[in-house]
C-alpha atoms as a PDB file:
ATOM      1  CA  ALA A   1     -32.209  76.163-172.711  1.00  0.00           C
ATOM      2  CA  GLY A   2     -35.665  75.769-173.114  1.00  0.00           C
ATOM      3  CA  GLY A   3     -35.918  75.096-177.009  1.00  0.00           C
ATOM      4  CA  GLY A   4     -37.202  78.682-178.018  1.00  0.00           C
ATOM      5  CA  THR A   5     -35.531  81.318-180.549  1.00  0.00           C
ATOM      6  CA  ILE A   6     -34.527  84.409-179.411  1.00  0.00           C
ATOM      7  CA  GLY A   7     -34.640  87.215-182.153  1.00  0.00           C
ATOM      8  CA  ALA A   8     -33.141  90.565-181.526  1.00  0.00           C
ATOM      9  CA  GLY A   9     -35.600  93.855-182.364  1.00  0.00           C
ATOM     10  CA  THR A  10     -35.108  97.317-182.146  1.00  0.00           C
ATOM     11  CA  ALA A  11     -37.471 100.197-180.896  1.00  0.00           C
ATOM     12  CA  SER A  12     -36.663 102.174-183.906  1.00  0.00           C
ATOM     13  CA  PRO A  13     -37.235 105.243-183.860  1.00  0.00           C
ATOM     14  CA  ILE A  14     -38.130 105.572-180.460  1.00  0.00           C
ATOM     15  CA  PHE A  15     -34.234 104.951-179.653  1.00  0.00           C
ATOM     16  CA  PRO A  16     -31.294 105.652-181.976  1.00  0.00           C
ATOM     17  CA  TYR A  17     -31.462 103.544-184.819  1.00  0.00           C
ATOM     18  CA  GLY A  18     -28.420 101.427-184.057  1.00  0.00           C
ATOM     19  CA  LEU A  19     -27.805 102.343-180.180  1.00  0.00           C
ATOM     20  CA  GLY A  20     -31.163  99.986-179.315  1.00  0.00           C
ATOM     21  CA  LEU A  21     -29.914  96.872-181.040  1.00  0.00           C
ATOM     22  CA  HIS A  22     -26.117  97.324-179.294  1.00  0.00           C
ATOM     23  CA  VAL A  23     -28.054  97.678-176.208  1.00  0.00           C
ATOM     24  CA  GLU A  24     -30.522  94.279-176.556  1.00  0.00           C
ATOM     25  CA  LEU A  25     -27.319  92.652-177.444  1.00  0.00           C
ATOM     26  CA  GLU A  26     -25.326  93.534-174.322  1.00  0.00           C
ATOM     27  CA  SER A  27     -28.546  92.861-172.553  1.00  0.00           C
ATOM     28  CA  TYR A  28     -28.607  89.411-173.608  1.00  0.00           C
ATOM     29  CA  VAL A  29     -24.999  88.707-172.387  1.00  0.00           C
ATOM     30  CA  HIS A  30     -25.928  90.049-168.908  1.00  0.00           C
ATOM     31  CA  ALA A  31     -28.774  87.667-168.794  1.00  0.00           C
ATOM     32  CA  GLY A  32     -26.367  84.635-169.800  1.00  0.00           C
ATOM     33  CA  LEU A  33     -26.347  84.290-173.546  1.00  0.00           C
ATOM     34  CA  THR A  34     -22.583  84.302-174.958  1.00  0.00           C
ATOM     35  CA  PRO A  35     -21.659  86.689-177.194  1.00  0.00           C
ATOM     36  CA  PHE A  36     -21.807  84.335-179.870  1.00  0.00           C
ATOM     37  CA  GLN A  37     -25.636  83.841-179.205  1.00  0.00           C
ATOM     38  CA  ALA A  38     -26.369  86.991-178.714  1.00  0.00           C
ATOM     39  CA  LEU A  39     -24.619  87.716-182.291  1.00  0.00           C
ATOM     40  CA  GLN A  40     -26.662  84.778-183.816  1.00  0.00           C
ATOM     41  CA  THR A  41     -30.139  86.606-182.246  1.00  0.00           C
ATOM     42  CA  ALA A  42     -29.573  89.607-184.894  1.00  0.00           C
ATOM     43  CA  THR A  43     -28.316  87.483-187.556  1.00  0.00           C
ATOM     44  CA  VAL A  44     -29.298  84.005-188.118  1.00  0.00           C
ATOM     45  CA  ASN A  45     -31.774  83.792-185.809  1.00  0.00           C
ATOM     46  CA  ALA A  46     -33.552  87.111-187.055  1.00  0.00           C
ATOM     47  CA  ALA A  47     -33.432  86.084-190.530  1.00  0.00           C
ATOM     48  CA  GLN A  48     -35.213  82.786-189.777  1.00  0.00           C
ATOM     49  CA  ALA A  49     -37.967  84.112-187.970  1.00  0.00           C
ATOM     50  CA  LEU A  50     -38.203  86.324-191.244  1.00  0.00           C
ATOM     51  CA  GLY A  51     -38.396  83.475-193.692  1.00  0.00           C
ATOM     52  CA  ILE A  52     -35.786  84.727-195.635  1.00  0.00           C
ATOM     53  CA  GLY A  53     -32.805  82.413-194.130  1.00  0.00           C
ATOM     54  CA  ASN A  54     -32.171  81.303-197.183  1.00  0.00           C
ATOM     55  CA  GLU A  55     -30.994  85.048-198.597  1.00  0.00           C
ATOM     56  CA  VAL A  56     -29.554  86.771-195.668  1.00  0.00           C
ATOM     57  CA  GLY A  57     -28.496  86.081-191.972  1.00  0.00           C
ATOM     58  CA  THR A  58     -25.033  84.312-192.337  1.00  0.00           C
ATOM     59  CA  ILE A  59     -22.138  84.738-194.663  1.00  0.00           C
ATOM     60  CA  GLU A  60     -22.235  81.852-197.241  1.00  0.00           C
ATOM     61  CA  VAL A  61     -21.572  81.800-200.863  1.00  0.00           C
ATOM     62  CA  GLY A  62     -25.034  83.139-202.712  1.00  0.00           C
ATOM     63  CA  LYS A  63     -26.494  85.437-200.215  1.00  0.00           C
ATOM     64  CA  LEU A  64     -26.238  88.751-199.691  1.00  0.00           C
ATOM     65  CA  ALA A  65     -23.658  89.901-198.012  1.00  0.00           C
ATOM     66  CA  ASP A  66     -24.577  93.373-195.954  1.00  0.00           C
ATOM     67  CA  LEU A  67     -21.739  93.633-193.302  1.00  0.00           C
ATOM     68  CA  THR A  68     -20.077  95.234-190.372  1.00  0.00           C
ATOM     69  CA  PHE A  69     -17.042  95.665-189.512  1.00  0.00           C
ATOM     70  CA  LEU A  70     -15.593  96.182-186.414  1.00  0.00           C
ATOM     71  CA  GLY A  71     -12.536  97.341-185.061  1.00  0.00           C
ATOM     72  CA  SER A  72     -12.671  94.895-181.841  1.00  0.00           C
ATOM     73  CA  ASP A  73     -13.413  91.334-181.157  1.00  0.00           C
ATOM     74  CA  PRO A  74     -17.541  91.460-179.909  1.00  0.00           C
ATOM     75  CA  LEU A  75     -16.879  87.932-179.165  1.00  0.00           C
ATOM     76  CA  MET A  76     -14.111  88.617-176.211  1.00  0.00           C
ATOM     77  CA  ASP A  77     -17.227  91.766-175.455  1.00  0.00           C
ATOM     78  CA  ILE A  78     -20.309  92.284-176.482  1.00  0.00           C
ATOM     79  CA  ARG A  79     -19.725  96.143-176.237  1.00  0.00           C
ATOM     80  CA  ASN A  80     -17.437  95.695-179.116  1.00  0.00           C
ATOM     81  CA  THR A  81     -20.378  95.411-181.215  1.00  0.00           C
ATOM     82  CA  ARG A  82     -20.405  99.730-180.863  1.00  0.00           C
ATOM     83  CA  ASP A  83     -16.913  99.704-182.097  1.00  0.00           C
ATOM     84  CA  VAL A  84     -17.831  99.644-186.305  1.00  0.00           C
ATOM     85  CA  THR A  85     -15.350 101.119-188.288  1.00  0.00           C
ATOM     86  CA  ARG A  86     -17.160 100.193-192.035  1.00  0.00           C
ATOM     87  CA  VAL A  87     -20.240  98.623-193.505  1.00  0.00           C
ATOM     88  CA  MET A  88     -20.623  97.010-196.735  1.00  0.00           C
ATOM     89  CA  ARG A  89     -24.500  97.395-198.203  1.00  0.00           C
ATOM     90  CA  GLY A  90     -24.800  95.962-201.719  1.00  0.00           C
ATOM     91  CA  GLY A  91     -21.078  95.491-202.555  1.00  0.00           C
ATOM     92  CA  ARG A  92     -20.081  99.239-201.870  1.00  0.00           C
ATOM     93  CA  VAL A  93     -17.968  99.685-198.502  1.00  0.00           C
ATOM     94  CA  TYR A  94     -18.887 102.788-196.579  1.00  0.00           C
ATOM     95  CA  THR A  95     -16.454 104.779-193.680  1.00  0.00           C
ATOM     96  CA  VAL A  96     -18.399 105.302-190.710  1.00  0.00           C
ATOM     97  CA  ALA A  97     -17.481 109.089-192.098  1.00  0.00           C
ATOM     98  CA  ASP A  98     -18.997 108.459-195.139  1.00  0.00           C
ATOM     99  CA  LEU A  99     -22.619 107.427-192.846  1.00  0.00           C
ATOM    100  CA  THR A 100     -22.590 110.420-191.017  1.00  0.00           C
ATOM    101  CA  LYS A 101     -22.129 113.139-193.684  1.00  0.00           C
ATOM    102  CA  ARG A 102     -24.951 115.062-194.285  1.00  0.00           C
END
């Protein structure tokens, strides 16, 4: 509300990859941001802070489209960001099982 911009970050590898980001987003909502604003900290705000907002951060024609697909709506409950069903990277779709294979 004071005009600043929040950009989500992680403490990986101190915390398991991904988990730290989910907890951070949940903390932002607990502190008063809406779920939408919390999601923006990890997408558009982070891309702009890194100077690559013209390449990533929003879903638009001409931008890179690495996406996370969820089974539940994070706007209803930010904890739903943990309900990952698949991801798309470089135009290829991966299921959670694909990503956890060793």
